[in-house]
Structure formats: C-alpha cells, structure tokens
Amino acid sequence: MAINVNTHAADAKPDDLTWIKGIGPTVERLLFERGIFRVHQIAALGDDEIRVIERTVGLAGRIAREARITPARAL
C-alpha cells in the first residue's frame, strides 16, 4: 500500500509534529524520513495507512492507542 504523502514542497519548512502528544523528536524524524512533514498529512491518514506507518517505524499500535490522529484532525 502506498501512502500519499507527496504534499511537501522542497523549500517549505516542515511542521513541528512534536506538539502532538506522543510524538517526540525521534518519531518526528522517522515520520519525516517517510515523507510525512505536515499535520494535515497525519490527520488524513486512514486506518490501513496508520498500520503501515506503525509497522515501519516500530510503533506497533501506538498511534491508534495514544490517539495521535485526534489532535491533528482538530486543526
């Protein structure tokens, strides 16, 4: 499954994802490495995409469990 994350302009500064509860500098870096640079990208993730990200960054259920999507969608 491909995750549609191609919304980051090369010259644009990424969002600070660490304001979302449970995302620290390490998880933020892992998300950046996978092309996720914006809060709206996190908010738009579907359940299948969340599971793929959890597996690839070693979070195994933490995104859903810690409700990281909810604060991103609140914007």
C-alpha atoms as a PDB file:
ATOM      1  CA  MET A   1       0.000   0.000   0.000  1.00  0.00           C
ATOM      2  CA  ALA A   2       1.392   3.380  -0.972  1.00  0.00           C
ATOM      3  CA  ILE A   3       0.944   6.264   1.408  1.00  0.00           C
ATOM      4  CA  ASN A   4       0.148   9.524  -0.334  1.00  0.00           C
ATOM      5  CA  VAL A   5       2.476  11.950   1.363  1.00  0.00           C
ATOM      6  CA  ASN A   6       3.697  13.961  -1.611  1.00  0.00           C
ATOM      7  CA  THR A   7       2.492  17.311  -0.287  1.00  0.00           C
ATOM      8  CA  HIS A   8       5.773  18.765   0.947  1.00  0.00           C
ATOM      9  CA  ALA A   9       7.409  21.411  -1.188  1.00  0.00           C
ATOM     10  CA  ALA A  10      11.184  21.023  -1.238  1.00  0.00           C
ATOM     11  CA  ASP A  11      11.740  24.568   0.024  1.00  0.00           C
ATOM     12  CA  ALA A  12       8.977  24.580   2.666  1.00  0.00           C
ATOM     13  CA  LYS A  13       9.774  24.112   6.335  1.00  0.00           C
ATOM     14  CA  PRO A  14       8.065  21.021   7.815  1.00  0.00           C
ATOM     15  CA  ASP A  15       5.511  21.363  10.609  1.00  0.00           C
ATOM     16  CA  ASP A  16       6.619  20.775  14.185  1.00  0.00           C
ATOM     17  CA  LEU A  17       4.958  17.414  14.737  1.00  0.00           C
ATOM     18  CA  THR A  18       6.241  17.139  18.313  1.00  0.00           C
ATOM     19  CA  TRP A  19       3.365  19.252  19.630  1.00  0.00           C
ATOM     20  CA  ILE A  20       1.159  16.194  19.068  1.00  0.00           C
ATOM     21  CA  LYS A  21       1.085  14.149  22.261  1.00  0.00           C
ATOM     22  CA  GLY A  22       3.292  11.085  21.954  1.00  0.00           C
ATOM     23  CA  ILE A  23       5.389  12.343  19.033  1.00  0.00           C
ATOM     24  CA  GLY A  24       8.859  13.218  20.202  1.00  0.00           C
ATOM     25  CA  PRO A  25      11.927  14.129  18.179  1.00  0.00           C
ATOM     26  CA  THR A  26      12.717  10.504  17.291  1.00  0.00           C
ATOM     27  CA  VAL A  27       9.241   9.667  15.977  1.00  0.00           C
ATOM     28  CA  GLU A  28       9.112  13.011  14.179  1.00  0.00           C
ATOM     29  CA  ARG A  29      12.396  12.191  12.413  1.00  0.00           C
ATOM     30  CA  LEU A  30      11.062   8.755  11.425  1.00  0.00           C
ATOM     31  CA  LEU A  31       7.914  10.358  10.002  1.00  0.00           C
ATOM     32  CA  PHE A  32       9.996  12.910   8.075  1.00  0.00           C
ATOM     33  CA  GLU A  33      12.082  10.054   6.659  1.00  0.00           C
ATOM     34  CA  ARG A  34       8.852   8.532   5.346  1.00  0.00           C
ATOM     35  CA  GLY A  35       7.675  11.750   3.726  1.00  0.00           C
ATOM     36  CA  ILE A  36       5.241  12.891   6.404  1.00  0.00           C
ATOM     37  CA  PHE A  37       6.015  16.552   7.084  1.00  0.00           C
ATOM     38  CA  ARG A  38       2.643  18.134   7.832  1.00  0.00           C
ATOM     39  CA  VAL A  39      -0.047  17.843  10.489  1.00  0.00           C
ATOM     40  CA  HIS A  40      -2.685  17.634   7.749  1.00  0.00           C
ATOM     41  CA  GLN A  41      -0.917  14.532   6.371  1.00  0.00           C
ATOM     42  CA  ILE A  42      -1.267  12.824   9.747  1.00  0.00           C
ATOM     43  CA  ALA A  43      -4.898  13.935  10.025  1.00  0.00           C
ATOM     44  CA  ALA A  44      -5.684  12.478   6.594  1.00  0.00           C
ATOM     45  CA  LEU A  45      -4.254   9.023   7.322  1.00  0.00           C
ATOM     46  CA  GLY A  46      -6.670   6.121   7.085  1.00  0.00           C
ATOM     47  CA  ASP A  47      -6.578   3.060   9.338  1.00  0.00           C
ATOM     48  CA  ASP A  48      -4.599   0.976   6.828  1.00  0.00           C
ATOM     49  CA  GLU A  49      -2.041   3.750   6.354  1.00  0.00           C
ATOM     50  CA  ILE A  50      -1.677   4.127  10.118  1.00  0.00           C
ATOM     51  CA  ARG A  51      -0.959   0.406  10.462  1.00  0.00           C
ATOM     52  CA  VAL A  52       1.703   0.583   7.722  1.00  0.00           C
ATOM     53  CA  ILE A  53       3.410   3.515   9.428  1.00  0.00           C
ATOM     54  CA  GLU A  54       3.228   1.831  12.827  1.00  0.00           C
ATOM     55  CA  ARG A  55       4.954  -1.234  11.414  1.00  0.00           C
ATOM     56  CA  THR A  56       7.623   0.683   9.517  1.00  0.00           C
ATOM     57  CA  VAL A  57       8.601   2.970  12.396  1.00  0.00           C
ATOM     58  CA  GLY A  58       8.220   0.310  15.087  1.00  0.00           C
ATOM     59  CA  LEU A  59       5.225   1.790  16.894  1.00  0.00           C
ATOM     60  CA  ALA A  60       3.018  -1.339  16.823  1.00  0.00           C
ATOM     61  CA  GLY A  61      -0.407   0.110  17.619  1.00  0.00           C
ATOM     62  CA  ARG A  62       0.766   3.219  19.461  1.00  0.00           C
ATOM     63  CA  ILE A  63      -0.674   5.754  17.013  1.00  0.00           C
ATOM     64  CA  ALA A  64      -4.212   4.454  17.431  1.00  0.00           C
ATOM     65  CA  ARG A  65      -3.764   3.668  21.131  1.00  0.00           C
ATOM     66  CA  GLU A  66      -2.402   7.095  22.009  1.00  0.00           C
ATOM     67  CA  ALA A  67      -4.868   8.938  19.748  1.00  0.00           C
ATOM     68  CA  ARG A  68      -2.261  10.921  17.833  1.00  0.00           C
ATOM     69  CA  ILE A  69      -4.635  11.358  14.929  1.00  0.00           C
ATOM     70  CA  THR A  70      -7.289  13.157  17.012  1.00  0.00           C
ATOM     71  CA  PRO A  71      -5.164  16.245  17.844  1.00  0.00           C
ATOM     72  CA  ALA A  72      -4.041  16.510  14.226  1.00  0.00           C
ATOM     73  CA  ARG A  73      -7.642  16.356  12.991  1.00  0.00           C
ATOM     74  CA  ALA A  74      -8.690  19.021  15.496  1.00  0.00           C
ATOM     75  CA  LEU A  75      -6.969  21.646  13.386  1.00  0.00           C
END
